[in-house]
């Protein structure tokens, strides 16, 4: 589903405000951790403790969710992975694969215990190619 301009602008503004960088927070704050792939990309992935649906969207989003967003239009998609407990295992992923630019994946959810350490990794991805421009960020759920 394509996002309307207002939710996209709001999400990008929130991610930009947070610097799209690592920022630890306490549980229950509605934390939004945004991570951009390396380079001059407008693409990003994010982790949100308490995502909120935008009017008109049908997905009921429980807490501790990730998604990937692709706004570049360069034939490369965006994939976001979440490592719960920072144990080196990617426990959840979201991707824009198969969609044109100006698209955010649906939220991939799963409640986590409060104060769980997580790592979010975001890369440019394309079928048959190794992920590139990867960047990670750490926070606490």
C-alpha atoms as a PDB file:
ATOM      1  CA  UNK A   1       0.000   0.000   0.000  1.00  0.00           C
ATOM      2  CA  UNK A   2       1.323   3.461  -0.838  1.00  0.00           C
ATOM      3  CA  UNK A   3       1.548   5.923   2.008  1.00  0.00           C
ATOM      4  CA  UNK A   4      -0.153   9.269   1.784  1.00  0.00           C
ATOM      5  CA  UNK A   5       2.106  12.332   1.716  1.00  0.00           C
ATOM      6  CA  UNK A   6       1.283  13.506   5.258  1.00  0.00           C
ATOM      7  CA  UNK A   7       2.216  10.235   7.026  1.00  0.00           C
ATOM      8  CA  UNK A   8       5.399  10.014   4.954  1.00  0.00           C
ATOM      9  CA  UNK A   9       6.369  13.594   5.748  1.00  0.00           C
ATOM     10  CA  UNK A  10       5.521  13.022   9.417  1.00  0.00           C
ATOM     11  CA  UNK A  11       7.568   9.819   9.603  1.00  0.00           C
ATOM     12  CA  UNK A  12      10.547  11.364   7.807  1.00  0.00           C
ATOM     13  CA  UNK A  13      10.351  14.473   9.971  1.00  0.00           C
ATOM     14  CA  UNK A  14      10.283  12.354  13.138  1.00  0.00           C
ATOM     15  CA  UNK A  15      13.213  10.271  11.950  1.00  0.00           C
ATOM     16  CA  UNK A  16      15.133  13.387  10.916  1.00  0.00           C
ATOM     17  CA  UNK A  17      14.381  15.034  14.261  1.00  0.00           C
ATOM     18  CA  UNK A  18      15.865  12.014  16.009  1.00  0.00           C
ATOM     19  CA  UNK A  19      18.913  12.246  13.782  1.00  0.00           C
ATOM     20  CA  UNK A  20      18.449   8.756  12.364  1.00  0.00           C
ATOM     21  CA  UNK A  21      21.034   7.617  14.813  1.00  0.00           C
ATOM     22  CA  UNK A  22      21.371   5.471  17.869  1.00  0.00           C
ATOM     23  CA  UNK A  23      19.451   6.833  20.823  1.00  0.00           C
ATOM     24  CA  UNK A  24      18.685   4.757  23.916  1.00  0.00           C
ATOM     25  CA  UNK A  25      15.361   5.322  25.662  1.00  0.00           C
ATOM     26  CA  UNK A  26      13.358   3.924  28.517  1.00  0.00           C
ATOM     27  CA  UNK A  27      10.552   1.430  27.958  1.00  0.00           C
ATOM     28  CA  UNK A  28       7.123   2.803  27.191  1.00  0.00           C
ATOM     29  CA  UNK A  29       8.279   6.131  25.782  1.00  0.00           C
ATOM     30  CA  UNK A  30       7.064   5.414  22.255  1.00  0.00           C
ATOM     31  CA  UNK A  31      10.677   5.400  21.075  1.00  0.00           C
ATOM     32  CA  UNK A  32      11.299   5.747  17.378  1.00  0.00           C
ATOM     33  CA  UNK A  33      14.782   4.617  16.311  1.00  0.00           C
ATOM     34  CA  UNK A  34      15.502   5.426  12.682  1.00  0.00           C
ATOM     35  CA  UNK A  35      18.515   4.137  10.769  1.00  0.00           C
ATOM     36  CA  UNK A  36      19.512   5.178   7.244  1.00  0.00           C
ATOM     37  CA  UNK A  37      21.716   3.097   4.966  1.00  0.00           C
ATOM     38  CA  UNK A  38      25.169   4.602   4.387  1.00  0.00           C
ATOM     39  CA  UNK A  39      25.287   7.325   1.706  1.00  0.00           C
ATOM     40  CA  UNK A  40      23.027  10.113   0.517  1.00  0.00           C
ATOM     41  CA  UNK A  41      19.893   8.021   0.688  1.00  0.00           C
ATOM     42  CA  UNK A  42      16.396   9.069   1.658  1.00  0.00           C
ATOM     43  CA  UNK A  43      15.690   5.422   2.518  1.00  0.00           C
ATOM     44  CA  UNK A  44      15.421   4.247   6.099  1.00  0.00           C
ATOM     45  CA  UNK A  45      14.262   1.580   8.515  1.00  0.00           C
ATOM     46  CA  UNK A  46      12.873   2.068  11.964  1.00  0.00           C
ATOM     47  CA  UNK A  47      12.006   0.426  15.259  1.00  0.00           C
ATOM     48  CA  UNK A  48       9.076   1.755  17.236  1.00  0.00           C
ATOM     49  CA  UNK A  49       8.015   0.683  20.712  1.00  0.00           C
ATOM     50  CA  UNK A  50       4.463   1.902  20.195  1.00  0.00           C
ATOM     51  CA  UNK A  51       3.605   2.510  16.512  1.00  0.00           C
ATOM     52  CA  UNK A  52       0.420   4.440  15.858  1.00  0.00           C
ATOM     53  CA  UNK A  53      -1.776   3.807  12.839  1.00  0.00           C
ATOM     54  CA  UNK A  54      -2.420   6.723  10.539  1.00  0.00           C
ATOM     55  CA  UNK A  55      -6.038   7.440   9.585  1.00  0.00           C
ATOM     56  CA  UNK A  56      -7.082   5.278   6.672  1.00  0.00           C
ATOM     57  CA  UNK A  57      -4.517   2.524   7.286  1.00  0.00           C
ATOM     58  CA  UNK A  58      -5.970  -0.849   8.176  1.00  0.00           C
ATOM     59  CA  UNK A  59      -3.128  -2.480  10.111  1.00  0.00           C
ATOM     60  CA  UNK A  60      -3.526  -2.701  13.906  1.00  0.00           C
ATOM     61  CA  UNK A  61       0.062  -2.309  15.107  1.00  0.00           C
ATOM     62  CA  UNK A  62       1.136  -3.729  18.465  1.00  0.00           C
ATOM     63  CA  UNK A  63       4.322  -2.499  20.097  1.00  0.00           C
ATOM     64  CA  UNK A  64       7.957  -3.278  19.323  1.00  0.00           C
ATOM     65  CA  UNK A  65       7.669  -3.191  15.547  1.00  0.00           C
ATOM     66  CA  UNK A  66      10.043  -2.554  12.641  1.00  0.00           C
ATOM     67  CA  UNK A  67       9.560  -1.490   9.046  1.00  0.00           C
ATOM     68  CA  UNK A  68      11.615  -0.504   5.991  1.00  0.00           C
ATOM     69  CA  UNK A  69      11.024   2.532   3.749  1.00  0.00           C
ATOM     70  CA  UNK A  70      12.332   3.135   0.217  1.00  0.00           C
ATOM     71  CA  UNK A  71      12.160   6.622  -1.301  1.00  0.00           C
ATOM     72  CA  UNK A  72      15.177   6.567  -3.637  1.00  0.00           C
ATOM     73  CA  UNK A  73      13.893   4.871  -6.824  1.00  0.00           C
ATOM     74  CA  UNK A  74      17.281   3.350  -7.683  1.00  0.00           C
ATOM     75  CA  UNK A  75      16.113  -0.297  -8.196  1.00  0.00           C
ATOM     76  CA  UNK A  76      17.524  -1.236  -4.769  1.00  0.00           C
ATOM     77  CA  UNK A  77      15.050  -1.999  -2.001  1.00  0.00           C
ATOM     78  CA  UNK A  78      15.512  -1.542   1.715  1.00  0.00           C
ATOM     79  CA  UNK A  79      15.571  -4.293   4.324  1.00  0.00           C
ATOM     80  CA  UNK A  80      15.517  -3.792   8.091  1.00  0.00           C
ATOM     81  CA  UNK A  81      16.477  -6.562  10.531  1.00  0.00           C
ATOM     82  CA  UNK A  82      15.973  -6.646  14.297  1.00  0.00           C
ATOM     83  CA  UNK A  83      18.313  -8.524  16.650  1.00  0.00           C
ATOM     84  CA  UNK A  84      16.560  -9.044  19.987  1.00  0.00           C
ATOM     85  CA  UNK A  85      18.942  -9.286  22.969  1.00  0.00           C
ATOM     86  CA  UNK A  86      21.848  -8.392  20.650  1.00  0.00           C
ATOM     87  CA  UNK A  87      22.865 -12.044  20.405  1.00  0.00           C
ATOM     88  CA  UNK A  88      23.876 -11.976  16.723  1.00  0.00           C
ATOM     89  CA  UNK A  89      20.648 -13.589  15.462  1.00  0.00           C
ATOM     90  CA  UNK A  90      18.281 -11.559  13.290  1.00  0.00           C
ATOM     91  CA  UNK A  91      14.875 -12.265  14.819  1.00  0.00           C
ATOM     92  CA  UNK A  92      12.621 -10.174  12.586  1.00  0.00           C
ATOM     93  CA  UNK A  93      12.860  -8.481   9.195  1.00  0.00           C
ATOM     94  CA  UNK A  94      10.873  -6.087   7.040  1.00  0.00           C
ATOM     95  CA  UNK A  95      11.562  -5.302   3.379  1.00  0.00           C
ATOM     96  CA  UNK A  96      10.392  -3.127   0.515  1.00  0.00           C
ATOM     97  CA  UNK A  97      11.404  -5.836  -1.971  1.00  0.00           C
ATOM     98  CA  UNK A  98       9.002  -6.127  -4.893  1.00  0.00           C
ATOM     99  CA  UNK A  99       7.657  -2.576  -4.527  1.00  0.00           C
ATOM    100  CA  UNK A 100       8.465   0.663  -6.319  1.00  0.00           C
ATOM    101  CA  UNK A 101      10.006   3.595  -4.466  1.00  0.00           C
ATOM    102  CA  UNK A 102       7.890   5.771  -2.188  1.00  0.00           C
ATOM    103  CA  UNK A 103       6.852   2.708  -0.212  1.00  0.00           C
ATOM    104  CA  UNK A 104       7.100   1.602   3.410  1.00  0.00           C
ATOM    105  CA  UNK A 105       6.676  -2.058   4.329  1.00  0.00           C
ATOM    106  CA  UNK A 106       3.990  -3.095   6.776  1.00  0.00           C
ATOM    107  CA  UNK A 107       5.087  -3.137  10.415  1.00  0.00           C
ATOM    108  CA  UNK A 108       6.602  -6.464  11.548  1.00  0.00           C
ATOM    109  CA  UNK A 109       5.666  -6.813  15.183  1.00  0.00           C
ATOM    110  CA  UNK A 110       6.191  -8.870  18.291  1.00  0.00           C
ATOM    111  CA  UNK A 111       6.049  -7.613  21.851  1.00  0.00           C
ATOM    112  CA  UNK A 112       9.331  -7.658  23.762  1.00  0.00           C
ATOM    113  CA  UNK A 113       9.994  -7.572  27.486  1.00  0.00           C
ATOM    114  CA  UNK A 114      10.638  -4.090  28.804  1.00  0.00           C
ATOM    115  CA  UNK A 115      14.310  -3.060  28.796  1.00  0.00           C
ATOM    116  CA  UNK A 116      15.280  -5.653  26.161  1.00  0.00           C
ATOM    117  CA  UNK A 117      18.383  -4.595  24.231  1.00  0.00           C
ATOM    118  CA  UNK A 118      17.898  -4.576  20.458  1.00  0.00           C
ATOM    119  CA  UNK A 119      19.933  -3.797  17.352  1.00  0.00           C
ATOM    120  CA  UNK A 120      18.372  -2.543  14.123  1.00  0.00           C
ATOM    121  CA  UNK A 121      20.292  -3.120  10.882  1.00  0.00           C
ATOM    122  CA  UNK A 122      19.206  -1.401   7.647  1.00  0.00           C
ATOM    123  CA  UNK A 123      20.677  -2.138   4.200  1.00  0.00           C
ATOM    124  CA  UNK A 124      19.993  -1.603   0.523  1.00  0.00           C
ATOM    125  CA  UNK A 125      18.997  -4.984  -0.908  1.00  0.00           C
ATOM    126  CA  UNK A 126      18.326  -6.460  -4.345  1.00  0.00           C
ATOM    127  CA  UNK A 127      17.656 -10.042  -5.465  1.00  0.00           C
ATOM    128  CA  UNK A 128      20.878 -11.873  -6.327  1.00  0.00           C
ATOM    129  CA  UNK A 129      23.083  -9.178  -4.767  1.00  0.00           C
ATOM    130  CA  UNK A 130      24.751  -8.936  -1.370  1.00  0.00           C
ATOM    131  CA  UNK A 131      23.248  -6.272   0.928  1.00  0.00           C
ATOM    132  CA  UNK A 132      25.110  -2.959   0.716  1.00  0.00           C
ATOM    133  CA  UNK A 133      25.344   0.369   2.540  1.00  0.00           C
ATOM    134  CA  UNK A 134      24.415  -1.324   5.825  1.00  0.00           C
ATOM    135  CA  UNK A 135      24.204   0.636   9.044  1.00  0.00           C
ATOM    136  CA  UNK A 136      23.101  -0.400  12.539  1.00  0.00           C
ATOM    137  CA  UNK A 137      21.677   1.300  15.594  1.00  0.00           C
ATOM    138  CA  UNK A 138      21.165   0.047  19.148  1.00  0.00           C
ATOM    139  CA  UNK A 139      18.468   0.865  21.683  1.00  0.00           C
ATOM    140  CA  UNK A 140      16.435  -0.613  24.523  1.00  0.00           C
ATOM    141  CA  UNK A 141      12.831  -1.738  24.005  1.00  0.00           C
END
